[in-house]
Amino acid sequence: MISLKIAFKIIIFCIIVCFTIRVIKGARKRFSEYYNKRLNQKTLESLSPYERDKVRRIMDASSIFRRSPSELIRMPEYELSKLYKQLCKIHHPDHGGREENFKKLSESYNFLKSLKKGILI
């Protein structure tokens, strides 16, 4: 039989894990809502050239990865790399794909990775 002390520690651990997961999901949701709100508030013409280029690259990446822009932004990095590897098997020149498509895929992946880390190229 589990002692009361151990059961109490297990319960506290579960509470901390649940709280941490909830905080991470909330932060991801707030970031995505903020980004979508910012895009909706401004039209493409009123954006600075830097922001316009960033939006264009996100839209290009969404067409290459076949996901919506907000889904790509919210997607965790491990899921993005998994999707990238799946598409590499299709578009890599050694596997019968076109070199142009593979270059676009790689550029989009690197851009999204840097966007998630907060370092834009």
PDB file of N, CA and C in Angstrom:
ATOM      1  N   MET A   1       0.842  -1.183   0.000  1.00  0.00           N
ATOM      2  CA  MET A   1       0.000   0.000   0.000  1.00  0.00           C
ATOM      3  C   MET A   1       0.891   1.251   0.000  1.00  0.00           C
ATOM      4  N   ILE A   2       0.481   2.239  -0.777  1.00  0.00           N
ATOM      5  CA  ILE A   2       1.242   3.483  -0.902  1.00  0.00           C
ATOM      6  C   ILE A   2       1.016   4.318   0.356  1.00  0.00           C
ATOM      7  N   SER A   3       2.108   4.822   0.864  1.00  0.00           N
ATOM      8  CA  SER A   3       1.968   5.653   2.057  1.00  0.00           C
ATOM      9  C   SER A   3       1.342   6.997   1.683  1.00  0.00           C
ATOM     10  N   LEU A   4       0.807   7.654   2.649  1.00  0.00           N
ATOM     11  CA  LEU A   4       0.128   8.933   2.434  1.00  0.00           C
ATOM     12  C   LEU A   4       1.094   9.997   1.917  1.00  0.00           C
ATOM     13  N   LYS A   5       2.343   9.943   2.374  1.00  0.00           N
ATOM     14  CA  LYS A   5       3.352  10.919   1.947  1.00  0.00           C
ATOM     15  C   LYS A   5       3.651  10.783   0.455  1.00  0.00           C
ATOM     16  N   ILE A   6       3.810   9.546  -0.025  1.00  0.00           N
ATOM     17  CA  ILE A   6       4.107   9.305  -1.435  1.00  0.00           C
ATOM     18  C   ILE A   6       2.917   9.689  -2.308  1.00  0.00           C
ATOM     19  N   ALA A   7       1.713   9.342  -1.860  1.00  0.00           N
ATOM     20  CA  ALA A   7       0.506   9.703  -2.616  1.00  0.00           C
ATOM     21  C   ALA A   7       0.382  11.215  -2.736  1.00  0.00           C
ATOM     22  N   PHE A   8       0.685  11.932  -1.672  1.00  0.00           N
ATOM     23  CA  PHE A   8       0.624  13.391  -1.685  1.00  0.00           C
ATOM     24  C   PHE A   8       1.640  13.956  -2.675  1.00  0.00           C
ATOM     25  N   LYS A   9       2.853  13.411  -2.716  1.00  0.00           N
ATOM     26  CA  LYS A   9       3.885  13.872  -3.651  1.00  0.00           C
ATOM     27  C   LYS A   9       3.457  13.623  -5.099  1.00  0.00           C
ATOM     28  N   ILE A  10       2.842  12.472  -5.353  1.00  0.00           N
ATOM     29  CA  ILE A  10       2.368  12.162  -6.704  1.00  0.00           C
ATOM     30  C   ILE A  10       1.295  13.141  -7.143  1.00  0.00           C
ATOM     31  N   ILE A  11       0.381  13.458  -6.238  1.00  0.00           N
ATOM     32  CA  ILE A  11      -0.697  14.408  -6.558  1.00  0.00           C
ATOM     33  C   ILE A  11      -0.119  15.789  -6.857  1.00  0.00           C
ATOM     34  N   ILE A  12       0.819  16.246  -6.047  1.00  0.00           N
ATOM     35  CA  ILE A  12       1.453  17.555  -6.270  1.00  0.00           C
ATOM     36  C   ILE A  12       2.175  17.571  -7.618  1.00  0.00           C
ATOM     37  N   PHE A  13       2.893  16.497  -7.940  1.00  0.00           N
ATOM     38  CA  PHE A  13       3.598  16.402  -9.212  1.00  0.00           C
ATOM     39  C   PHE A  13       2.610  16.510 -10.376  1.00  0.00           C
ATOM     40  N   CYS A  14       1.494  15.795 -10.308  1.00  0.00           N
ATOM     41  CA  CYS A  14       0.491  15.838 -11.382  1.00  0.00           C
ATOM     42  C   CYS A  14      -0.097  17.241 -11.545  1.00  0.00           C
ATOM     43  N   ILE A  15      -0.321  17.912 -10.440  1.00  0.00           N
ATOM     44  CA  ILE A  15      -0.861  19.277 -10.491  1.00  0.00           C
ATOM     45  C   ILE A  15       0.138  20.204 -11.185  1.00  0.00           C
ATOM     46  N   ILE A  16       1.416  20.075 -10.843  1.00  0.00           N
ATOM     47  CA  ILE A  16       2.449  20.927 -11.446  1.00  0.00           C
ATOM     48  C   ILE A  16       2.558  20.660 -12.948  1.00  0.00           C
ATOM     49  N   VAL A  17       2.527  19.395 -13.356  1.00  0.00           N
ATOM     50  CA  VAL A  17       2.614  19.050 -14.775  1.00  0.00           C
ATOM     51  C   VAL A  17       1.416  19.605 -15.538  1.00  0.00           C
ATOM     52  N   CYS A  18       0.214  19.432 -14.994  1.00  0.00           N
ATOM     53  CA  CYS A  18      -0.995  19.950 -15.650  1.00  0.00           C
ATOM     54  C   CYS A  18      -0.943  21.468 -15.779  1.00  0.00           C
ATOM     55  N   PHE A  19      -0.493  22.145 -14.736  1.00  0.00           N
ATOM     56  CA  PHE A  19      -0.395  23.603 -14.766  1.00  0.00           C
ATOM     57  C   PHE A  19       0.598  24.047 -15.839  1.00  0.00           C
ATOM     58  N   THR A  20       1.758  23.374 -15.920  1.00  0.00           N
ATOM     59  CA  THR A  20       2.774  23.725 -16.908  1.00  0.00           C
ATOM     60  C   THR A  20       2.245  23.548 -18.329  1.00  0.00           C
ATOM     61  N   ILE A  21       1.564  22.441 -18.571  1.00  0.00           N
ATOM     62  CA  ILE A  21       1.002  22.195 -19.905  1.00  0.00           C
ATOM     63  C   ILE A  21      -0.018  23.264 -20.252  1.00  0.00           C
ATOM     64  N   ARG A  22      -0.859  23.635 -19.297  1.00  0.00           N
ATOM     65  CA  ARG A  22      -1.880  24.658 -19.535  1.00  0.00           C
ATOM     66  C   ARG A  22      -1.237  26.007 -19.852  1.00  0.00           C
ATOM     67  N   VAL A  23      -0.158  26.351 -19.151  1.00  0.00           N
ATOM     68  CA  VAL A  23       0.536  27.619 -19.395  1.00  0.00           C
ATOM     69  C   VAL A  23       1.137  27.641 -20.799  1.00  0.00           C
ATOM     70  N   ILE A  24       1.768  26.532 -21.210  1.00  0.00           N
ATOM     71  CA  ILE A  24       2.380  26.466 -22.544  1.00  0.00           C
ATOM     72  C   ILE A  24       1.321  26.593 -23.633  1.00  0.00           C
ATOM     73  N   LYS A  25       0.206  25.871 -23.480  1.00  0.00           N
ATOM     74  CA  LYS A  25      -0.863  25.960 -24.474  1.00  0.00           C
ATOM     75  C   LYS A  25      -1.441  27.373 -24.533  1.00  0.00           C
ATOM     76  N   GLY A  26      -1.593  28.014 -23.391  1.00  0.00           N
ATOM     77  CA  GLY A  26      -2.120  29.380 -23.359  1.00  0.00           C
ATOM     78  C   GLY A  26      -1.198  30.360 -24.045  1.00  0.00           C
ATOM     79  N   ALA A  27       0.105  30.216 -23.821  1.00  0.00           N
ATOM     80  CA  ALA A  27       1.075  31.116 -24.449  1.00  0.00           C
ATOM     81  C   ALA A  27       1.063  30.937 -25.963  1.00  0.00           C
ATOM     82  N   ARG A  28       0.996  29.689 -26.415  1.00  0.00           N
ATOM     83  CA  ARG A  28       0.963  29.422 -27.850  1.00  0.00           C
ATOM     84  C   ARG A  28      -0.298  30.013 -28.477  1.00  0.00           C
ATOM     85  N   LYS A  29      -1.428  29.869 -27.778  1.00  0.00           N
ATOM     86  CA  LYS A  29      -2.695  30.399 -28.289  1.00  0.00           C
ATOM     87  C   LYS A  29      -2.664  31.925 -28.349  1.00  0.00           C
ATOM     88  N   ARG A  30      -2.129  32.559 -27.289  1.00  0.00           N
ATOM     89  CA  ARG A  30      -2.059  34.025 -27.271  1.00  0.00           C
ATOM     90  C   ARG A  30      -1.168  34.546 -28.389  1.00  0.00           C
ATOM     91  N   PHE A  31      -0.029  33.876 -28.647  1.00  0.00           N
ATOM     92  CA  PHE A  31       0.865  34.299 -29.715  1.00  0.00           C
ATOM     93  C   PHE A  31       0.155  34.220 -31.060  1.00  0.00           C
ATOM     94  N   SER A  32      -0.527  33.117 -31.290  1.00  0.00           N
ATOM     95  CA  SER A  32      -1.211  32.944 -32.570  1.00  0.00           C
ATOM     96  C   SER A  32      -2.340  33.954 -32.737  1.00  0.00           C
ATOM     97  N   GLU A  33      -3.094  34.223 -31.654  1.00  0.00           N
ATOM     98  CA  GLU A  33      -4.173  35.221 -31.725  1.00  0.00           C
ATOM     99  C   GLU A  33      -3.601  36.615 -31.991  1.00  0.00           C
ATOM    100  N   TYR A  34      -2.495  36.938 -31.312  1.00  0.00           N
ATOM    101  CA  TYR A  34      -1.869  38.245 -31.516  1.00  0.00           C
ATOM    102  C   TYR A  34      -1.406  38.399 -32.961  1.00  0.00           C
ATOM    103  N   TYR A  35      -0.771  37.353 -33.485  1.00  0.00           N
ATOM    104  CA  TYR A  35      -0.241  37.422 -34.848  1.00  0.00           C
ATOM    105  C   TYR A  35      -1.382  37.553 -35.856  1.00  0.00           C
ATOM    106  N   ASN A  36      -2.441  36.757 -35.702  1.00  0.00           N
ATOM    107  CA  ASN A  36      -3.583  36.832 -36.620  1.00  0.00           C
ATOM    108  C   ASN A  36      -4.273  38.193 -36.520  1.00  0.00           C
ATOM    109  N   LYS A  37      -4.397  38.708 -35.292  1.00  0.00           N
ATOM    110  CA  LYS A  37      -5.029  40.011 -35.097  1.00  0.00           C
ATOM    111  C   LYS A  37      -4.210  41.105 -35.778  1.00  0.00           C
ATOM    112  N   ARG A  38      -2.901  41.011 -35.631  1.00  0.00           N
ATOM    113  CA  ARG A  38      -2.027  42.014 -36.238  1.00  0.00           C
ATOM    114  C   ARG A  38      -2.132  41.975 -37.760  1.00  0.00           C
ATOM    115  N   LEU A  39      -2.196  40.769 -38.331  1.00  0.00           N
ATOM    116  CA  LEU A  39      -2.329  40.651 -39.785  1.00  0.00           C
ATOM    117  C   LEU A  39      -3.680  41.166 -40.250  1.00  0.00           C
ATOM    118  N   ASN A  40      -4.732  40.920 -39.464  1.00  0.00           N
ATOM    119  CA  ASN A  40      -6.063  41.366 -39.853  1.00  0.00           C
ATOM    120  C   ASN A  40      -6.220  42.877 -39.728  1.00  0.00           C
ATOM    121  N   GLN A  41      -5.516  43.484 -38.769  1.00  0.00           N
ATOM    122  CA  GLN A  41      -5.655  44.931 -38.569  1.00  0.00           C
ATOM    123  C   GLN A  41      -5.033  45.718 -39.720  1.00  0.00           C
ATOM    124  N   LYS A  42      -3.944  45.224 -40.222  1.00  0.00           N
ATOM    125  CA  LYS A  42      -3.239  45.960 -41.270  1.00  0.00           C
ATOM    126  C   LYS A  42      -3.443  45.275 -42.607  1.00  0.00           C
ATOM    127  N   THR A  43      -3.634  46.049 -43.602  1.00  0.00           N
ATOM    128  CA  THR A  43      -3.659  45.453 -44.935  1.00  0.00           C
ATOM    129  C   THR A  43      -2.218  45.300 -45.404  1.00  0.00           C
ATOM    130  N   LEU A  44      -2.031  44.515 -46.402  1.00  0.00           N
ATOM    131  CA  LEU A  44      -0.677  44.232 -46.882  1.00  0.00           C
ATOM    132  C   LEU A  44       0.040  45.495 -47.346  1.00  0.00           C
ATOM    133  N   GLU A  45      -0.713  46.453 -47.911  1.00  0.00           N
ATOM    134  CA  GLU A  45      -0.079  47.671 -48.417  1.00  0.00           C
ATOM    135  C   GLU A  45       0.441  48.566 -47.290  1.00  0.00           C
ATOM    136  N   SER A  46      -0.220  48.510 -46.139  1.00  0.00           N
ATOM    137  CA  SER A  46       0.184  49.407 -45.053  1.00  0.00           C
ATOM    138  C   SER A  46       1.336  48.842 -44.225  1.00  0.00           C
ATOM    139  N   LEU A  47       1.749  47.606 -44.498  1.00  0.00           N
ATOM    140  CA  LEU A  47       2.857  47.011 -43.757  1.00  0.00           C
ATOM    141  C   LEU A  47       4.188  47.574 -44.239  1.00  0.00           C
ATOM    142  N   SER A  48       5.172  47.541 -43.359  1.00  0.00           N
ATOM    143  CA  SER A  48       6.516  47.954 -43.757  1.00  0.00           C
ATOM    144  C   SER A  48       7.074  46.893 -44.713  1.00  0.00           C
ATOM    145  N   PRO A  49       8.074  47.248 -45.500  1.00  0.00           N
ATOM    146  CA  PRO A  49       8.642  46.252 -46.428  1.00  0.00           C
ATOM    147  C   PRO A  49       9.128  44.989 -45.710  1.00  0.00           C
ATOM    148  N   TYR A  50       9.678  45.146 -44.516  1.00  0.00           N
ATOM    149  CA  TYR A  50      10.159  44.001 -43.745  1.00  0.00           C
ATOM    150  C   TYR A  50       8.994  43.082 -43.366  1.00  0.00           C
ATOM    151  N   GLU A  51       7.909  43.673 -42.841  1.00  0.00           N
ATOM    152  CA  GLU A  51       6.733  42.881 -42.458  1.00  0.00           C
ATOM    153  C   GLU A  51       6.063  42.257 -43.680  1.00  0.00           C
ATOM    154  N   ARG A  52       6.018  43.007 -44.768  1.00  0.00           N
ATOM    155  CA  ARG A  52       5.430  42.495 -46.004  1.00  0.00           C
ATOM    156  C   ARG A  52       6.189  41.260 -46.493  1.00  0.00           C
ATOM    157  N   ASP A  53       7.518  41.324 -46.427  1.00  0.00           N
ATOM    158  CA  ASP A  53       8.339  40.191 -46.839  1.00  0.00           C
ATOM    159  C   ASP A  53       8.096  38.994 -45.921  1.00  0.00           C
ATOM    160  N   LYS A  54       7.968  39.258 -44.614  1.00  0.00           N
ATOM    161  CA  LYS A  54       7.717  38.184 -43.659  1.00  0.00           C
ATOM    162  C   LYS A  54       6.370  37.501 -43.931  1.00  0.00           C
ATOM    163  N   VAL A  55       5.341  38.295 -44.205  1.00  0.00           N
ATOM    164  CA  VAL A  55       4.016  37.738 -44.509  1.00  0.00           C
ATOM    165  C   VAL A  55       4.077  36.931 -45.804  1.00  0.00           C
ATOM    166  N   ARG A  56       4.774  37.464 -46.810  1.00  0.00           N
ATOM    167  CA  ARG A  56       4.891  36.757 -48.085  1.00  0.00           C
ATOM    168  C   ARG A  56       5.583  35.408 -47.893  1.00  0.00           C
ATOM    169  N   ARG A  57       6.639  35.393 -47.077  1.00  0.00           N
ATOM    170  CA  ARG A  57       7.366  34.150 -46.843  1.00  0.00           C
ATOM    171  C   ARG A  57       6.528  33.143 -46.061  1.00  0.00           C
ATOM    172  N   ILE A  58       5.715  33.628 -45.131  1.00  0.00           N
ATOM    173  CA  ILE A  58       4.830  32.731 -44.386  1.00  0.00           C
ATOM    174  C   ILE A  58       3.777  32.144 -45.320  1.00  0.00           C
ATOM    175  N   MET A  59       3.239  32.963 -46.215  1.00  0.00           N
ATOM    176  CA  MET A  59       2.243  32.469 -47.163  1.00  0.00           C
ATOM    177  C   MET A  59       2.869  31.450 -48.127  1.00  0.00           C
ATOM    178  N   ASP A  60       4.095  31.720 -48.574  1.00  0.00           N
ATOM    179  CA  ASP A  60       4.786  30.764 -49.433  1.00  0.00           C
ATOM    180  C   ASP A  60       5.014  29.442 -48.703  1.00  0.00           C
ATOM    181  N   ALA A  61       5.440  29.537 -47.452  1.00  0.00           N
ATOM    182  CA  ALA A  61       5.676  28.328 -46.661  1.00  0.00           C
ATOM    183  C   ALA A  61       4.381  27.544 -46.462  1.00  0.00           C
ATOM    184  N   SER A  62       3.275  28.261 -46.278  1.00  0.00           N
ATOM    185  CA  SER A  62       2.003  27.559 -46.073  1.00  0.00           C
ATOM    186  C   SER A  62       1.580  26.811 -47.334  1.00  0.00           C
ATOM    187  N   SER A  63       1.880  27.365 -48.499  1.00  0.00           N
ATOM    188  CA  SER A  63       1.530  26.648 -49.726  1.00  0.00           C
ATOM    189  C   SER A  63       2.466  25.460 -49.957  1.00  0.00           C
ATOM    190  N   ILE A  64       3.725  25.588 -49.560  1.00  0.00           N
ATOM    191  CA  ILE A  64       4.678  24.491 -49.733  1.00  0.00           C
ATOM    192  C   ILE A  64       4.395  23.356 -48.749  1.00  0.00           C
ATOM    193  N   PHE A  65       4.131  23.718 -47.488  1.00  0.00           N
ATOM    194  CA  PHE A  65       3.882  22.702 -46.463  1.00  0.00           C
ATOM    195  C   PHE A  65       2.428  22.218 -46.436  1.00  0.00           C
ATOM    196  N   ARG A  66       1.575  22.875 -47.229  1.00  0.00           N
ATOM    197  CA  ARG A  66       0.153  22.513 -47.323  1.00  0.00           C
ATOM    198  C   ARG A  66      -0.543  22.594 -45.972  1.00  0.00           C
ATOM    199  N   ARG A  67      -0.259  23.654 -45.245  1.00  0.00           N
ATOM    200  CA  ARG A  67      -0.898  23.936 -43.961  1.00  0.00           C
ATOM    201  C   ARG A  67      -1.256  25.416 -43.947  1.00  0.00           C
ATOM    202  N   SER A  68      -2.206  25.790 -43.106  1.00  0.00           N
ATOM    203  CA  SER A  68      -2.576  27.199 -43.008  1.00  0.00           C
ATOM    204  C   SER A  68      -1.451  27.962 -42.309  1.00  0.00           C
ATOM    205  N   PRO A  69      -1.331  29.272 -42.558  1.00  0.00           N
ATOM    206  CA  PRO A  69      -0.271  30.053 -41.906  1.00  0.00           C
ATOM    207  C   PRO A  69      -0.344  29.995 -40.383  1.00  0.00           C
ATOM    208  N   SER A  70      -1.566  30.108 -39.841  1.00  0.00           N
ATOM    209  CA  SER A  70      -1.677  30.075 -38.371  1.00  0.00           C
ATOM    210  C   SER A  70      -1.290  28.703 -37.826  1.00  0.00           C
ATOM    211  N   GLU A  71      -1.592  27.644 -38.578  1.00  0.00           N
ATOM    212  CA  GLU A  71      -1.219  26.296 -38.142  1.00  0.00           C
ATOM    213  C   GLU A  71       0.302  26.134 -38.146  1.00  0.00           C
ATOM    214  N   LEU A  72       0.964  26.690 -39.149  1.00  0.00           N
ATOM    215  CA  LEU A  72       2.430  26.613 -39.205  1.00  0.00           C
ATOM    216  C   LEU A  72       3.069  27.386 -38.055  1.00  0.00           C
ATOM    217  N   ILE A  73       2.491  28.528 -37.714  1.00  0.00           N
ATOM    218  CA  ILE A  73       3.050  29.343 -36.642  1.00  0.00           C
ATOM    219  C   ILE A  73       2.872  28.652 -35.296  1.00  0.00           C
ATOM    220  N   ARG A  74       1.711  28.026 -35.100  1.00  0.00           N
ATOM    221  CA  ARG A  74       1.440  27.351 -33.831  1.00  0.00           C
ATOM    222  C   ARG A  74       2.112  25.989 -33.722  1.00  0.00           C
ATOM    223  N   MET A  75       2.503  25.410 -34.839  1.00  0.00           N
ATOM    224  CA  MET A  75       3.048  24.055 -34.849  1.00  0.00           C
ATOM    225  C   MET A  75       4.359  23.988 -34.056  1.00  0.00           C
ATOM    226  N   PRO A  76       4.466  23.014 -33.134  1.00  0.00           N
ATOM    227  CA  PRO A  76       5.731  22.853 -32.401  1.00  0.00           C
ATOM    228  C   PRO A  76       6.872  22.502 -33.351  1.00  0.00           C
ATOM    229  N   GLU A  77       8.074  22.792 -32.914  1.00  0.00           N
ATOM    230  CA  GLU A  77       9.230  22.617 -33.789  1.00  0.00           C
ATOM    231  C   GLU A  77       9.440  21.152 -34.188  1.00  0.00           C
ATOM    232  N   TYR A  78       9.162  20.219 -33.269  1.00  0.00           N
ATOM    233  CA  TYR A  78       9.359  18.806 -33.619  1.00  0.00           C
ATOM    234  C   TYR A  78       8.357  18.349 -34.679  1.00  0.00           C
ATOM    235  N   GLU A  79       7.125  18.873 -34.646  1.00  0.00           N
ATOM    236  CA  GLU A  79       6.144  18.516 -35.673  1.00  0.00           C
ATOM    237  C   GLU A  79       6.535  19.119 -37.027  1.00  0.00           C
ATOM    238  N   LEU A  80       7.075  20.337 -36.976  1.00  0.00           N
ATOM    239  CA  LEU A  80       7.525  20.986 -38.208  1.00  0.00           C
ATOM    240  C   LEU A  80       8.661  20.198 -38.843  1.00  0.00           C
ATOM    241  N   SER A  81       9.607  19.740 -38.027  1.00  0.00           N
ATOM    242  CA  SER A  81      10.727  18.972 -38.586  1.00  0.00           C
ATOM    243  C   SER A  81      10.243  17.621 -39.111  1.00  0.00           C
ATOM    244  N   LYS A  82       9.251  17.037 -38.458  1.00  0.00           N
ATOM    245  CA  LYS A  82       8.681  15.768 -38.930  1.00  0.00           C
ATOM    246  C   LYS A  82       8.019  15.959 -40.302  1.00  0.00           C
ATOM    247  N   LEU A  83       7.248  17.039 -40.429  1.00  0.00           N
ATOM    248  CA  LEU A  83       6.603  17.355 -41.702  1.00  0.00           C
ATOM    249  C   LEU A  83       7.642  17.631 -42.778  1.00  0.00           C
ATOM    250  N   TYR A  84       8.698  18.351 -42.411  1.00  0.00           N
ATOM    251  CA  TYR A  84       9.781  18.660 -43.345  1.00  0.00           C
ATOM    252  C   TYR A  84      10.441  17.379 -43.860  1.00  0.00           C
ATOM    253  N   LYS A  85      10.705  16.452 -42.954  1.00  0.00           N
ATOM    254  CA  LYS A  85      11.344  15.194 -43.361  1.00  0.00           C
ATOM    255  C   LYS A  85      10.444  14.386 -44.300  1.00  0.00           C
ATOM    256  N   GLN A  86       9.136  14.413 -44.032  1.00  0.00           N
ATOM    257  CA  GLN A  86       8.198  13.706 -44.913  1.00  0.00           C
ATOM    258  C   GLN A  86       8.219  14.311 -46.318  1.00  0.00           C
ATOM    259  N   LEU A  87       8.225  15.643 -46.381  1.00  0.00           N
ATOM    260  CA  LEU A  87       8.233  16.305 -47.684  1.00  0.00           C
ATOM    261  C   LEU A  87       9.588  16.172 -48.380  1.00  0.00           C
ATOM    262  N   CYS A  88      10.667  16.055 -47.598  1.00  0.00           N
ATOM    263  CA  CYS A  88      11.991  15.852 -48.198  1.00  0.00           C
ATOM    264  C   CYS A  88      12.042  14.540 -48.957  1.00  0.00           C
ATOM    265  N   LYS A  89      11.365  13.524 -48.432  1.00  0.00           N
ATOM    266  CA  LYS A  89      11.348  12.223 -49.111  1.00  0.00           C
ATOM    267  C   LYS A  89      10.678  12.331 -50.478  1.00  0.00           C
ATOM    268  N   ILE A  90       9.762  13.270 -50.618  1.00  0.00           N
ATOM    269  CA  ILE A  90       9.051  13.449 -51.886  1.00  0.00           C
ATOM    270  C   ILE A  90       9.839  14.347 -52.842  1.00  0.00           C
ATOM    271  N   HIS A  91      10.366  15.458 -52.314  1.00  0.00           N
ATOM    272  CA  HIS A  91      10.937  16.498 -53.176  1.00  0.00           C
ATOM    273  C   HIS A  91      12.451  16.426 -53.360  1.00  0.00           C
ATOM    274  N   HIS A  92      13.138  15.543 -52.658  1.00  0.00           N
ATOM    275  CA  HIS A  92      14.597  15.485 -52.788  1.00  0.00           C
ATOM    276  C   HIS A  92      14.972  14.977 -54.185  1.00  0.00           C
ATOM    277  N   PRO A  93      15.953  15.637 -54.828  1.00  0.00           N
ATOM    278  CA  PRO A  93      16.352  15.234 -56.189  1.00  0.00           C
ATOM    279  C   PRO A  93      16.817  13.771 -56.287  1.00  0.00           C
ATOM    280  N   ASP A  94      17.400  13.240 -55.222  1.00  0.00           N
ATOM    281  CA  ASP A  94      17.846  11.848 -55.248  1.00  0.00           C
ATOM    282  C   ASP A  94      16.673  10.864 -55.222  1.00  0.00           C
ATOM    283  N   HIS A  95      15.520  11.341 -54.805  1.00  0.00           N
ATOM    284  CA  HIS A  95      14.335  10.482 -54.738  1.00  0.00           C
ATOM    285  C   HIS A  95      13.332  10.805 -55.852  1.00  0.00           C
ATOM    286  N   GLY A  96      13.785  11.489 -56.884  1.00  0.00           N
ATOM    287  CA  GLY A  96      12.930  11.759 -58.039  1.00  0.00           C
ATOM    288  C   GLY A  96      12.224  13.100 -58.005  1.00  0.00           C
ATOM    289  N   GLY A  97      12.541  13.953 -57.038  1.00  0.00           N
ATOM    290  CA  GLY A  97      11.919  15.271 -56.967  1.00  0.00           C
ATOM    291  C   GLY A  97      12.696  16.295 -57.764  1.00  0.00           C
ATOM    292  N   ARG A  98      12.131  17.494 -57.872  1.00  0.00           N
ATOM    293  CA  ARG A  98      12.807  18.572 -58.599  1.00  0.00           C
ATOM    294  C   ARG A  98      13.648  19.391 -57.639  1.00  0.00           C
ATOM    295  N   GLU A  99      14.793  19.824 -58.117  1.00  0.00           N
ATOM    296  CA  GLU A  99      15.729  20.571 -57.275  1.00  0.00           C
ATOM    297  C   GLU A  99      15.141  21.912 -56.832  1.00  0.00           C
ATOM    298  N   GLU A 100      14.381  22.567 -57.717  1.00  0.00           N
ATOM    299  CA  GLU A 100      13.765  23.862 -57.391  1.00  0.00           C
ATOM    300  C   GLU A 100      12.804  23.724 -56.209  1.00  0.00           C
ATOM    301  N   ASN A 101      11.973  22.686 -56.272  1.00  0.00           N
ATOM    302  CA  ASN A 101      11.002  22.479 -55.191  1.00  0.00           C
ATOM    303  C   ASN A 101      11.699  22.170 -53.877  1.00  0.00           C
ATOM    304  N   PHE A 102      12.781  21.407 -53.944  1.00  0.00           N
ATOM    305  CA  PHE A 102      13.516  21.067 -52.734  1.00  0.00           C
ATOM    306  C   PHE A 102      14.174  22.301 -52.122  1.00  0.00           C
ATOM    307  N   LYS A 103      14.700  23.185 -52.974  1.00  0.00           N
ATOM    308  CA  LYS A 103      15.309  24.422 -52.471  1.00  0.00           C
ATOM    309  C   LYS A 103      14.262  25.310 -51.790  1.00  0.00           C
ATOM    310  N   LYS A 104      13.077  25.422 -52.412  1.00  0.00           N
ATOM    311  CA  LYS A 104      11.998  26.209 -51.809  1.00  0.00           C
ATOM    312  C   LYS A 104      11.577  25.618 -50.477  1.00  0.00           C
ATOM    313  N   LEU A 105      11.496  24.303 -50.421  1.00  0.00           N
ATOM    314  CA  LEU A 105      11.126  23.612 -49.188  1.00  0.00           C
ATOM    315  C   LEU A 105      12.152  23.884 -48.095  1.00  0.00           C
ATOM    316  N   SER A 106      13.420  23.780 -48.426  1.00  0.00           N
ATOM    317  CA  SER A 106      14.493  24.012 -47.446  1.00  0.00           C
ATOM    318  C   SER A 106      14.504  25.455 -46.958  1.00  0.00           C
ATOM    319  N   GLU A 107      14.338  26.410 -47.894  1.00  0.00           N
ATOM    320  CA  GLU A 107      14.314  27.823 -47.505  1.00  0.00           C
ATOM    321  C   GLU A 107      13.132  28.118 -46.587  1.00  0.00           C
ATOM    322  N   SER A 108      11.974  27.562 -46.917  1.00  0.00           N
ATOM    323  CA  SER A 108      10.784  27.786 -46.090  1.00  0.00           C
ATOM    324  C   SER A 108      10.957  27.175 -44.712  1.00  0.00           C
ATOM    325  N   TYR A 109      11.537  25.989 -44.659  1.00  0.00           N
ATOM    326  CA  TYR A 109      11.765  25.332 -43.369  1.00  0.00           C
ATOM    327  C   TYR A 109      12.720  26.146 -42.508  1.00  0.00           C
ATOM    328  N   ASN A 110      13.810  26.617 -43.100  1.00  0.00           N
ATOM    329  CA  ASN A 110      14.777  27.425 -42.339  1.00  0.00           C
ATOM    330  C   ASN A 110      14.144  28.727 -41.862  1.00  0.00           C
ATOM    331  N   PHE A 111      13.293  29.324 -42.690  1.00  0.00           N
ATOM    332  CA  PHE A 111      12.612  30.555 -42.290  1.00  0.00           C
ATOM    333  C   PHE A 111      11.684  30.291 -41.109  1.00  0.00           C
ATOM    334  N   LEU A 112      10.883  29.240 -41.196  1.00  0.00           N
ATOM    335  CA  LEU A 112       9.949  28.928 -40.110  1.00  0.00           C
ATOM    336  C   LEU A 112      10.686  28.571 -38.824  1.00  0.00           C
ATOM    337  N   LYS A 113      11.788  27.860 -38.959  1.00  0.00           N
ATOM    338  CA  LYS A 113      12.595  27.512 -37.789  1.00  0.00           C
ATOM    339  C   LYS A 113      13.139  28.778 -37.119  1.00  0.00           C
ATOM    340  N   SER A 114      13.634  29.704 -37.931  1.00  0.00           N
ATOM    341  CA  SER A 114      14.171  30.948 -37.368  1.00  0.00           C
ATOM    342  C   SER A 114      13.052  31.814 -36.796  1.00  0.00           C
ATOM    343  N   LEU A 115      11.868  31.750 -37.389  1.00  0.00           N
ATOM    344  CA  LEU A 115      10.720  32.499 -36.878  1.00  0.00           C
ATOM    345  C   LEU A 115      10.332  31.988 -35.502  1.00  0.00           C
ATOM    346  N   LYS A 116      10.371  30.674 -35.308  1.00  0.00           N
ATOM    347  CA  LYS A 116      10.028  30.082 -34.020  1.00  0.00           C
ATOM    348  C   LYS A 116      11.074  30.410 -32.954  1.00  0.00           C
ATOM    349  N   LYS A 117      12.332  30.519 -33.369  1.00  0.00           N
ATOM    350  CA  LYS A 117      13.395  30.856 -32.407  1.00  0.00           C
ATOM    351  C   LYS A 117      13.483  32.359 -32.169  1.00  0.00           C
ATOM    352  N   GLY A 118      12.811  33.138 -32.996  1.00  0.00           N
ATOM    353  CA  GLY A 118      12.839  34.583 -32.832  1.00  0.00           C
ATOM    354  C   GLY A 118      13.982  35.255 -33.565  1.00  0.00           C
ATOM    355  N   ILE A 119      14.706  34.498 -34.366  1.00  0.00           N
ATOM    356  CA  ILE A 119      15.827  35.045 -35.128  1.00  0.00           C
ATOM    357  C   ILE A 119      15.423  34.993 -36.595  1.00  0.00           C
ATOM    358  N   LEU A 120      15.210  36.132 -37.186  1.00  0.00           N
ATOM    359  CA  LEU A 120      14.790  36.140 -38.588  1.00  0.00           C
ATOM    360  C   LEU A 120      15.953  36.439 -39.490  1.00  0.00           C
ATOM    361  N   ILE A 121      15.988  35.705 -40.621  1.00  0.00           N
ATOM    362  CA  ILE A 121      17.044  35.915 -41.605  1.00  0.00           C
ATOM    363  C   ILE A 121      16.547  36.798 -42.706  1.00  0.00           C
TER     364      ILE A 121
END
